[in-house]
């Protein structure tokens, strides 16, 4: 009985690892479809954009009601850490 359980576990593990590898391969191919974007020397402008989009959630605040609720959830996560 123990041998059957171990074999079943091994088969399920191999299957799961195969699915994971296939998904990662697909994701990798998708990522490498992108083209390199020329980076300009305006580091301050790029950092400002990162702060506004990532930390400030700039795009979300175009809709006021969802933005207020999102702000409270986002602030809760920040304050909780």
PDB file of N, CA and C in Angstrom:
ATOM      1  N   UNK A   1       0.821  -1.201   0.000  1.00  0.00           N
ATOM      2  CA  UNK A   1       0.000   0.000   0.000  1.00  0.00           C
ATOM      3  C   UNK A   1       0.860   1.258   0.000  1.00  0.00           C
ATOM      4  N   UNK A   2       1.935   1.231   0.799  1.00  0.00           N
ATOM      5  CA  UNK A   2       2.814   2.394   0.876  1.00  0.00           C
ATOM      6  C   UNK A   2       3.502   2.622  -0.465  1.00  0.00           C
ATOM      7  N   UNK A   3       3.894   1.540  -1.122  1.00  0.00           N
ATOM      8  CA  UNK A   3       4.556   1.662  -2.420  1.00  0.00           C
ATOM      9  C   UNK A   3       3.612   2.289  -3.449  1.00  0.00           C
ATOM     10  N   UNK A   4       2.359   1.901  -3.430  1.00  0.00           N
ATOM     11  CA  UNK A   4       1.378   2.464  -4.364  1.00  0.00           C
ATOM     12  C   UNK A   4       1.196   3.960  -4.118  1.00  0.00           C
ATOM     13  N   UNK A   5       1.166   4.360  -2.861  1.00  0.00           N
ATOM     14  CA  UNK A   5       1.032   5.783  -2.539  1.00  0.00           C
ATOM     15  C   UNK A   5       2.251   6.569  -3.008  1.00  0.00           C
ATOM     16  N   UNK A   6       3.425   5.990  -2.836  1.00  0.00           N
ATOM     17  CA  UNK A   6       4.645   6.676  -3.266  1.00  0.00           C
ATOM     18  C   UNK A   6       4.699   6.809  -4.786  1.00  0.00           C
ATOM     19  N   UNK A   7       4.298   5.771  -5.488  1.00  0.00           N
ATOM     20  CA  UNK A   7       4.280   5.815  -6.954  1.00  0.00           C
ATOM     21  C   UNK A   7       3.260   6.840  -7.430  1.00  0.00           C
ATOM     22  N   UNK A   8       2.089   6.844  -6.815  1.00  0.00           N
ATOM     23  CA  UNK A   8       1.062   7.821  -7.179  1.00  0.00           C
ATOM     24  C   UNK A   8       1.554   9.244  -6.921  1.00  0.00           C
ATOM     25  N   UNK A   9       2.192   9.463  -5.789  1.00  0.00           N
ATOM     26  CA  UNK A   9       2.746  10.781  -5.469  1.00  0.00           C
ATOM     27  C   UNK A   9       3.791  11.186  -6.499  1.00  0.00           C
ATOM     28  N   UNK A  10       4.645  10.255  -6.875  1.00  0.00           N
ATOM     29  CA  UNK A  10       5.681  10.536  -7.865  1.00  0.00           C
ATOM     30  C   UNK A  10       5.062  10.909  -9.212  1.00  0.00           C
ATOM     31  N   UNK A  11       4.043  10.171  -9.635  1.00  0.00           N
ATOM     32  CA  UNK A  11       3.393  10.467 -10.914  1.00  0.00           C
ATOM     33  C   UNK A  11       2.702  11.827 -10.900  1.00  0.00           C
ATOM     34  N   UNK A  12       2.003  12.117  -9.818  1.00  0.00           N
ATOM     35  CA  UNK A  12       1.327  13.414  -9.712  1.00  0.00           C
ATOM     36  C   UNK A  12       2.354  14.541  -9.677  1.00  0.00           C
ATOM     37  N   UNK A  13       3.464  14.331  -8.970  1.00  0.00           N
ATOM     38  CA  UNK A  13       4.513  15.358  -8.897  1.00  0.00           C
ATOM     39  C   UNK A  13       5.134  15.609 -10.264  1.00  0.00           C
ATOM     40  N   UNK A  14       5.427  14.552 -10.985  1.00  0.00           N
ATOM     41  CA  UNK A  14       6.009  14.700 -12.328  1.00  0.00           C
ATOM     42  C   UNK A  14       5.037  15.433 -13.249  1.00  0.00           C
ATOM     43  N   UNK A  15       3.767  15.090 -13.163  1.00  0.00           N
ATOM     44  CA  UNK A  15       2.751  15.760 -13.976  1.00  0.00           C
ATOM     45  C   UNK A  15       2.674  17.248 -13.635  1.00  0.00           C
ATOM     46  N   UNK A  16       2.672  17.574 -12.340  1.00  0.00           N
ATOM     47  CA  UNK A  16       2.585  18.973 -11.908  1.00  0.00           C
ATOM     48  C   UNK A  16       3.818  19.757 -12.336  1.00  0.00           C
ATOM     49  N   UNK A  17       4.988  19.160 -12.204  1.00  0.00           N
ATOM     50  CA  UNK A  17       6.219  19.840 -12.623  1.00  0.00           C
ATOM     51  C   UNK A  17       6.202  20.064 -14.131  1.00  0.00           C
ATOM     52  N   UNK A  18       5.689  19.093 -14.884  1.00  0.00           N
ATOM     53  CA  UNK A  18       5.571  19.248 -16.336  1.00  0.00           C
ATOM     54  C   UNK A  18       4.640  20.387 -16.718  1.00  0.00           C
ATOM     55  N   UNK A  19       3.487  20.474 -16.039  1.00  0.00           N
ATOM     56  CA  UNK A  19       2.567  21.585 -16.304  1.00  0.00           C
ATOM     57  C   UNK A  19       3.206  22.928 -15.972  1.00  0.00           C
ATOM     58  N   UNK A  20       3.898  22.982 -14.848  1.00  0.00           N
ATOM     59  CA  UNK A  20       4.566  24.217 -14.442  1.00  0.00           C
ATOM     60  C   UNK A  20       5.622  24.624 -15.464  1.00  0.00           C
ATOM     61  N   UNK A  21       6.442  23.669 -15.903  1.00  0.00           N
ATOM     62  CA  UNK A  21       7.493  23.968 -16.881  1.00  0.00           C
ATOM     63  C   UNK A  21       6.892  24.449 -18.195  1.00  0.00           C
ATOM     64  N   UNK A  22       5.803  23.821 -18.613  1.00  0.00           N
ATOM     65  CA  UNK A  22       5.142  24.236 -19.857  1.00  0.00           C
ATOM     66  C   UNK A  22       4.600  25.659 -19.748  1.00  0.00           C
ATOM     67  N   UNK A  23       3.986  25.976 -18.622  1.00  0.00           N
ATOM     68  CA  UNK A  23       3.438  27.322 -18.417  1.00  0.00           C
ATOM     69  C   UNK A  23       4.563  28.359 -18.368  1.00  0.00           C
ATOM     70  N   UNK A  24       5.655  28.038 -17.686  1.00  0.00           N
ATOM     71  CA  UNK A  24       6.778  28.969 -17.602  1.00  0.00           C
ATOM     72  C   UNK A  24       7.427  29.177 -18.968  1.00  0.00           C
ATOM     73  N   UNK A  25       7.491  28.120 -19.760  1.00  0.00           N
ATOM     74  CA  UNK A  25       8.035  28.246 -21.111  1.00  0.00           C
ATOM     75  C   UNK A  25       7.164  29.173 -21.957  1.00  0.00           C
ATOM     76  N   UNK A  26       5.859  29.015 -21.840  1.00  0.00           N
ATOM     77  CA  UNK A  26       4.932  29.883 -22.568  1.00  0.00           C
ATOM     78  C   UNK A  26       5.066  31.332 -22.106  1.00  0.00           C
ATOM     79  N   UNK A  27       5.168  31.527 -20.812  1.00  0.00           N
ATOM     80  CA  UNK A  27       5.324  32.875 -20.263  1.00  0.00           C
ATOM     81  C   UNK A  27       6.634  33.505 -20.727  1.00  0.00           C
ATOM     82  N   UNK A  28       7.694  32.722 -20.741  1.00  0.00           N
ATOM     83  CA  UNK A  28       9.003  33.222 -21.182  1.00  0.00           C
ATOM     84  C   UNK A  28       8.953  33.653 -22.652  1.00  0.00           C
ATOM     85  N   UNK A  29       8.328  32.829 -23.484  1.00  0.00           N
ATOM     86  CA  UNK A  29       8.200  33.191 -24.905  1.00  0.00           C
ATOM     87  C   UNK A  29       7.405  34.476 -25.072  1.00  0.00           C
ATOM     88  N   UNK A  30       6.357  34.637 -24.297  1.00  0.00           N
ATOM     89  CA  UNK A  30       5.539  35.846 -24.373  1.00  0.00           C
ATOM     90  C   UNK A  30       6.345  37.070 -23.959  1.00  0.00           C
ATOM     91  N   UNK A  31       7.124  36.947 -22.909  1.00  0.00           N
ATOM     92  CA  UNK A  31       7.933  38.074 -22.439  1.00  0.00           C
ATOM     93  C   UNK A  31       8.952  38.479 -23.493  1.00  0.00           C
ATOM     94  N   UNK A  32       9.583  37.502 -24.132  1.00  0.00           N
ATOM     95  CA  UNK A  32      10.614  37.821 -25.110  1.00  0.00           C
ATOM     96  C   UNK A  32      10.057  38.300 -26.450  1.00  0.00           C
ATOM     97  N   UNK A  33       8.745  38.343 -26.600  1.00  0.00           N
ATOM     98  CA  UNK A  33       8.156  38.941 -27.802  1.00  0.00           C
ATOM     99  C   UNK A  33       8.299  40.462 -27.791  1.00  0.00           C
ATOM    100  N   UNK A  34       8.446  41.019 -26.608  1.00  0.00           N
ATOM    101  CA  UNK A  34       8.550  42.474 -26.477  1.00  0.00           C
ATOM    102  C   UNK A  34       9.833  43.012 -27.088  1.00  0.00           C
ATOM    103  N   UNK A  35       9.768  44.252 -27.519  1.00  0.00           N
ATOM    104  CA  UNK A  35      10.934  44.907 -28.102  1.00  0.00           C
ATOM    105  C   UNK A  35      11.563  45.821 -27.065  1.00  0.00           C
ATOM    106  N   UNK A  36      12.863  45.978 -27.167  1.00  0.00           N
ATOM    107  CA  UNK A  36      13.547  46.874 -26.244  1.00  0.00           C
ATOM    108  C   UNK A  36      13.156  48.310 -26.541  1.00  0.00           C
ATOM    109  N   UNK A  37      12.922  49.035 -25.480  1.00  0.00           N
ATOM    110  CA  UNK A  37      12.548  50.431 -25.616  1.00  0.00           C
ATOM    111  C   UNK A  37      13.775  51.281 -25.323  1.00  0.00           C
ATOM    112  N   UNK A  38      14.037  52.271 -26.176  1.00  0.00           N
ATOM    113  CA  UNK A  38      15.202  53.111 -25.889  1.00  0.00           C
ATOM    114  C   UNK A  38      15.000  53.885 -24.588  1.00  0.00           C
ATOM    115  N   UNK A  39      16.011  53.853 -23.758  1.00  0.00           N
ATOM    116  CA  UNK A  39      15.944  54.547 -22.470  1.00  0.00           C
ATOM    117  C   UNK A  39      16.646  55.885 -22.622  1.00  0.00           C
ATOM    118  N   UNK A  40      15.929  56.937 -22.292  1.00  0.00           N
ATOM    119  CA  UNK A  40      16.544  58.257 -22.371  1.00  0.00           C
ATOM    120  C   UNK A  40      17.294  58.552 -21.073  1.00  0.00           C
ATOM    121  N   UNK A  41      17.966  59.652 -21.033  1.00  0.00           N
ATOM    122  CA  UNK A  41      18.784  59.982 -19.868  1.00  0.00           C
ATOM    123  C   UNK A  41      18.028  60.779 -18.817  1.00  0.00           C
ATOM    124  N   UNK A  42      16.724  60.902 -18.954  1.00  0.00           N
ATOM    125  CA  UNK A  42      15.932  61.673 -17.990  1.00  0.00           C
ATOM    126  C   UNK A  42      15.513  60.765 -16.832  1.00  0.00           C
ATOM    127  N   UNK A  43      16.470  60.446 -15.979  1.00  0.00           N
ATOM    128  CA  UNK A  43      16.196  59.526 -14.879  1.00  0.00           C
ATOM    129  C   UNK A  43      15.151  60.075 -13.923  1.00  0.00           C
ATOM    130  N   UNK A  44      15.205  61.364 -13.665  1.00  0.00           N
ATOM    131  CA  UNK A  44      14.249  61.936 -12.715  1.00  0.00           C
ATOM    132  C   UNK A  44      12.817  61.814 -13.235  1.00  0.00           C
ATOM    133  N   UNK A  45      12.617  62.001 -14.528  1.00  0.00           N
ATOM    134  CA  UNK A  45      11.276  61.874 -15.105  1.00  0.00           C
ATOM    135  C   UNK A  45      10.795  60.425 -15.046  1.00  0.00           C
ATOM    136  N   UNK A  46      11.703  59.477 -15.284  1.00  0.00           N
ATOM    137  CA  UNK A  46      11.328  58.067 -15.216  1.00  0.00           C
ATOM    138  C   UNK A  46      10.972  57.665 -13.792  1.00  0.00           C
ATOM    139  N   UNK A  47      11.754  58.121 -12.820  1.00  0.00           N
ATOM    140  CA  UNK A  47      11.465  57.787 -11.421  1.00  0.00           C
ATOM    141  C   UNK A  47      10.160  58.425 -10.960  1.00  0.00           C
ATOM    142  N   UNK A  48       9.898  59.621 -11.429  1.00  0.00           N
ATOM    143  CA  UNK A  48       8.642  60.283 -11.081  1.00  0.00           C
ATOM    144  C   UNK A  48       7.464  59.465 -11.610  1.00  0.00           C
ATOM    145  N   UNK A  49       7.597  58.980 -12.842  1.00  0.00           N
ATOM    146  CA  UNK A  49       6.546  58.161 -13.445  1.00  0.00           C
ATOM    147  C   UNK A  49       6.340  56.864 -12.660  1.00  0.00           C
ATOM    148  N   UNK A  50       7.433  56.235 -12.242  1.00  0.00           N
ATOM    149  CA  UNK A  50       7.335  55.000 -11.458  1.00  0.00           C
ATOM    150  C   UNK A  50       6.617  55.255 -10.144  1.00  0.00           C
ATOM    151  N   UNK A  51       6.985  56.330  -9.473  1.00  0.00           N
ATOM    152  CA  UNK A  51       6.361  56.650  -8.187  1.00  0.00           C
ATOM    153  C   UNK A  51       4.874  56.937  -8.369  1.00  0.00           C
ATOM    154  N   UNK A  52       4.526  57.706  -9.395  1.00  0.00           N
ATOM    155  CA  UNK A  52       3.118  58.039  -9.616  1.00  0.00           C
ATOM    156  C   UNK A  52       2.280  56.819 -10.004  1.00  0.00           C
ATOM    157  N   UNK A  53       2.818  55.960 -10.848  1.00  0.00           N
ATOM    158  CA  UNK A  53       2.040  54.810 -11.309  1.00  0.00           C
ATOM    159  C   UNK A  53       2.032  53.665 -10.303  1.00  0.00           C
ATOM    160  N   UNK A  54       3.182  53.332  -9.752  1.00  0.00           N
ATOM    161  CA  UNK A  54       3.263  52.166  -8.871  1.00  0.00           C
ATOM    162  C   UNK A  54       2.833  52.482  -7.450  1.00  0.00           C
ATOM    163  N   UNK A  55       3.378  53.511  -6.884  1.00  0.00           N
ATOM    164  CA  UNK A  55       3.070  53.822  -5.491  1.00  0.00           C
ATOM    165  C   UNK A  55       1.833  54.698  -5.366  1.00  0.00           C
ATOM    166  N   UNK A  56       1.670  55.625  -6.275  1.00  0.00           N
ATOM    167  CA  UNK A  56       0.546  56.548  -6.192  1.00  0.00           C
ATOM    168  C   UNK A  56      -0.725  56.050  -6.844  1.00  0.00           C
ATOM    169  N   UNK A  57      -0.633  54.952  -7.620  1.00  0.00           N
ATOM    170  CA  UNK A  57      -1.801  54.391  -8.295  1.00  0.00           C
ATOM    171  C   UNK A  57      -2.508  55.461  -9.139  1.00  0.00           C
ATOM    172  N   UNK A  58      -1.742  56.205  -9.922  1.00  0.00           N
ATOM    173  CA  UNK A  58      -2.234  57.357 -10.676  1.00  0.00           C
ATOM    174  C   UNK A  58      -3.413  57.022 -11.594  1.00  0.00           C
ATOM    175  N   UNK A  59      -3.315  55.922 -12.332  1.00  0.00           N
ATOM    176  CA  UNK A  59      -4.371  55.596 -13.300  1.00  0.00           C
ATOM    177  C   UNK A  59      -5.689  55.268 -12.617  1.00  0.00           C
ATOM    178  N   UNK A  60      -5.623  54.699 -11.441  1.00  0.00           N
ATOM    179  CA  UNK A  60      -6.845  54.309 -10.748  1.00  0.00           C
ATOM    180  C   UNK A  60      -7.660  55.514 -10.312  1.00  0.00           C
ATOM    181  N   UNK A  61      -7.012  56.607  -9.999  1.00  0.00           N
ATOM    182  CA  UNK A  61      -7.699  57.753  -9.427  1.00  0.00           C
ATOM    183  C   UNK A  61      -8.450  58.597 -10.459  1.00  0.00           C
ATOM    184  N   UNK A  62      -8.600  58.085 -11.668  1.00  0.00           N
ATOM    185  CA  UNK A  62      -9.432  58.774 -12.660  1.00  0.00           C
ATOM    186  C   UNK A  62     -10.913  58.532 -12.386  1.00  0.00           C
ATOM    187  N   UNK A  63     -11.222  57.452 -11.656  1.00  0.00           N
ATOM    188  CA  UNK A  63     -12.602  57.152 -11.250  1.00  0.00           C
ATOM    189  C   UNK A  63     -12.668  57.345  -9.739  1.00  0.00           C
ATOM    190  N   UNK A  64     -13.378  58.355  -9.251  1.00  0.00           N
ATOM    191  CA  UNK A  64     -13.270  58.735  -7.836  1.00  0.00           C
ATOM    192  C   UNK A  64     -13.789  57.717  -6.821  1.00  0.00           C
ATOM    193  N   UNK A  65     -14.924  57.098  -7.055  1.00  0.00           N
ATOM    194  CA  UNK A  65     -15.494  56.189  -6.045  1.00  0.00           C
ATOM    195  C   UNK A  65     -14.616  54.944  -5.852  1.00  0.00           C
ATOM    196  N   UNK A  66     -14.284  54.205  -6.926  1.00  0.00           N
ATOM    197  CA  UNK A  66     -13.395  53.057  -6.718  1.00  0.00           C
ATOM    198  C   UNK A  66     -12.029  53.484  -6.184  1.00  0.00           C
ATOM    199  N   UNK A  67     -11.602  54.677  -6.557  1.00  0.00           N
ATOM    200  CA  UNK A  67     -10.298  55.157  -6.102  1.00  0.00           C
ATOM    201  C   UNK A  67     -10.266  55.340  -4.593  1.00  0.00           C
ATOM    202  N   UNK A  68     -11.346  55.858  -4.035  1.00  0.00           N
ATOM    203  CA  UNK A  68     -11.389  56.066  -2.582  1.00  0.00           C
ATOM    204  C   UNK A  68     -11.329  54.726  -1.859  1.00  0.00           C
ATOM    205  N   UNK A  69     -12.123  53.755  -2.311  1.00  0.00           N
ATOM    206  CA  UNK A  69     -12.101  52.436  -1.678  1.00  0.00           C
ATOM    207  C   UNK A  69     -10.732  51.777  -1.838  1.00  0.00           C
ATOM    208  N   UNK A  70     -10.166  51.886  -3.034  1.00  0.00           N
ATOM    209  CA  UNK A  70      -8.855  51.303  -3.272  1.00  0.00           C
ATOM    210  C   UNK A  70      -7.802  51.968  -2.399  1.00  0.00           C
ATOM    211  N   UNK A  71      -7.901  53.263  -2.231  1.00  0.00           N
ATOM    212  CA  UNK A  71      -6.938  53.978  -1.398  1.00  0.00           C
ATOM    213  C   UNK A  71      -6.948  53.441   0.032  1.00  0.00           C
ATOM    214  N   UNK A  72      -8.141  53.203   0.585  1.00  0.00           N
ATOM    215  CA  UNK A  72      -8.221  52.689   1.955  1.00  0.00           C
ATOM    216  C   UNK A  72      -7.615  51.290   2.069  1.00  0.00           C
ATOM    217  N   UNK A  73      -7.875  50.441   1.095  1.00  0.00           N
ATOM    218  CA  UNK A  73      -7.288  49.099   1.116  1.00  0.00           C
ATOM    219  C   UNK A  73      -5.775  49.193   0.967  1.00  0.00           C
ATOM    220  N   UNK A  74      -5.321  49.995   0.018  1.00  0.00           N
ATOM    221  CA  UNK A  74      -3.891  50.168  -0.238  1.00  0.00           C
ATOM    222  C   UNK A  74      -3.198  50.752   0.991  1.00  0.00           C
ATOM    223  N   UNK A  75      -3.783  51.783   1.582  1.00  0.00           N
ATOM    224  CA  UNK A  75      -3.201  52.395   2.775  1.00  0.00           C
ATOM    225  C   UNK A  75      -3.186  51.402   3.934  1.00  0.00           C
ATOM    226  N   UNK A  76      -4.212  50.573   4.028  1.00  0.00           N
ATOM    227  CA  UNK A  76      -4.245  49.558   5.076  1.00  0.00           C
ATOM    228  C   UNK A  76      -3.096  48.574   4.948  1.00  0.00           C
ATOM    229  N   UNK A  77      -2.798  48.160   3.722  1.00  0.00           N
ATOM    230  CA  UNK A  77      -1.665  47.257   3.522  1.00  0.00           C
ATOM    231  C   UNK A  77      -0.348  47.944   3.866  1.00  0.00           C
ATOM    232  N   UNK A  78      -0.201  49.189   3.458  1.00  0.00           N
ATOM    233  CA  UNK A  78       1.036  49.917   3.740  1.00  0.00           C
ATOM    234  C   UNK A  78       1.208  50.113   5.244  1.00  0.00           C
ATOM    235  N   UNK A  79       0.155  50.533   5.923  1.00  0.00           N
ATOM    236  CA  UNK A  79       0.247  50.773   7.364  1.00  0.00           C
ATOM    237  C   UNK A  79       0.412  49.480   8.150  1.00  0.00           C
ATOM    238  N   UNK A  80      -0.121  48.409   7.646  1.00  0.00           N
ATOM    239  CA  UNK A  80      -0.057  47.115   8.341  1.00  0.00           C
ATOM    240  C   UNK A  80       1.359  46.573   8.377  1.00  0.00           C
ATOM    241  N   UNK A  81       2.140  46.901   7.391  1.00  0.00           N
ATOM    242  CA  UNK A  81       3.505  46.371   7.345  1.00  0.00           C
ATOM    243  C   UNK A  81       4.370  47.212   8.150  1.00  0.00           C
TER     244      UNK A  81
END
